[in-house]
C-alpha cells in the first residue's frame, strides 16, 4: 500500500544535514531535489554504499539504489572444471 498523497513524501531529518558527506540510515525516505549531483552514503544494514544522485533518481527511495544482498555465482568456475578433467 502506498503513502497517501495528502501526506507528501517522507524525509528523515538526517537527510537535511549540511555536512559534506551525508550518511543516510533511513532507506525508506525519498531523495530530495537539493541532493542533485552529490554523493550520499546509504546504510545497507552492514556497511554504507556510496550513491551518486542523478536527476532520474529524485523522488525514489534511497533503499532502491543500495542493494543489501551480495551476488554469488551459482556455478563452478572454469578453472575448477578444467582441473577435474
Protein backbone atom coordinates (compact mmCIF):
# COMPACT_ATOMS: atom_id res chain seq x y z
CA UNK A 1 0.00 0.00 0.00
CA UNK A 2 1.41 3.39 -0.91
CA UNK A 3 1.56 6.55 1.13
CA UNK A 4 -1.38 8.98 0.93
CA UNK A 5 -0.80 11.89 -1.45
CA UNK A 6 -2.01 14.48 1.03
CA UNK A 7 0.81 13.48 3.40
CA UNK A 8 3.55 14.14 0.85
CA UNK A 9 6.91 12.40 0.61
CA UNK A 10 8.70 11.12 3.71
CA UNK A 11 12.08 12.68 4.53
CA UNK A 12 14.18 11.74 7.53
CA UNK A 13 15.93 14.56 9.40
CA UNK A 14 19.36 13.04 8.74
CA UNK A 15 18.90 13.85 5.04
CA UNK A 16 18.75 17.58 5.81
CA UNK A 17 22.21 17.76 7.38
CA UNK A 18 24.61 20.34 5.94
CA UNK A 19 27.67 18.10 6.19
CA UNK A 20 29.97 17.39 3.27
CA UNK A 21 29.33 13.64 3.29
CA UNK A 22 25.72 12.74 4.06
CA UNK A 23 25.11 9.36 5.69
CA UNK A 24 21.55 8.06 5.47
CA UNK A 25 20.28 5.27 7.71
CA UNK A 26 16.67 5.77 6.65
CA UNK A 27 16.31 3.75 3.44
CA UNK A 28 12.58 4.49 3.20
CA UNK A 29 12.97 8.26 2.90
CA UNK A 30 12.65 9.85 -0.53
CA UNK A 31 15.52 11.53 -2.35
CA UNK A 32 15.02 15.34 -2.29
CA UNK A 33 15.88 17.67 -5.16
CA UNK A 34 18.66 19.58 -3.39
CA UNK A 35 20.89 16.46 -3.35
CA UNK A 36 21.23 16.57 -7.14
CA UNK A 37 24.80 15.78 -8.36
CA UNK A 38 26.02 14.84 -4.88
CA UNK A 39 27.33 11.65 -3.31
CA UNK A 40 25.33 10.08 -0.48
CA UNK A 41 26.22 7.11 1.73
CA UNK A 42 23.25 4.77 2.31
CA UNK A 43 23.32 2.16 5.07
CA UNK A 44 22.64 -1.41 3.90
CA UNK A 45 22.50 -2.95 7.37
CA UNK A 46 26.18 -3.85 7.37
CA UNK A 47 28.03 -1.06 5.56
CA UNK A 48 27.47 2.20 3.73
CA UNK A 49 27.16 2.21 -0.07
CA UNK A 50 28.18 5.33 -1.98
CA UNK A 51 25.48 6.54 -4.37
CA UNK A 52 25.66 9.41 -6.84
CA UNK A 53 22.31 11.23 -7.10
CA UNK A 54 21.22 11.96 -10.66
CA UNK A 55 18.10 13.63 -11.98
CA UNK A 56 16.41 10.30 -12.64
CA UNK A 57 16.78 9.16 -9.00
CA UNK A 58 14.98 12.14 -7.44
CA UNK A 59 11.66 11.13 -5.87
CA UNK A 60 12.63 7.48 -5.44
CA UNK A 61 13.65 5.88 -2.15
CA UNK A 62 17.28 5.64 -1.01
CA UNK A 63 16.92 1.91 -0.43
CA UNK A 64 16.14 1.22 -4.09
CA UNK A 65 19.73 2.03 -5.05
CA UNK A 66 21.67 0.39 -2.20
CA UNK A 67 21.35 -3.35 -2.51
CA UNK A 68 21.60 -5.42 0.64
CA UNK A 69 22.33 -8.77 -0.94
CA UNK A 70 25.61 -9.90 -2.40
CA UNK A 71 25.57 -11.79 -5.70
CA UNK A 72 27.34 -15.13 -5.64
CA UNK A 73 27.75 -17.27 -8.73
CA UNK A 74 25.75 -20.49 -8.62
CA UNK A 75 28.09 -22.40 -10.89
CA UNK A 76 31.68 -23.58 -10.62
CA UNK A 77 34.40 -21.56 -12.24
CA UNK A 78 36.02 -22.71 -15.48
CA UNK A 79 39.39 -23.14 -13.75
CA UNK A 80 37.91 -25.62 -11.29
CA UNK A 81 36.11 -27.56 -14.03
CA UNK A 82 39.26 -27.81 -16.19
CA UNK A 83 41.32 -29.13 -13.25
CA UNK A 84 38.89 -32.00 -12.67
CA UNK A 85 39.03 -33.27 -16.27
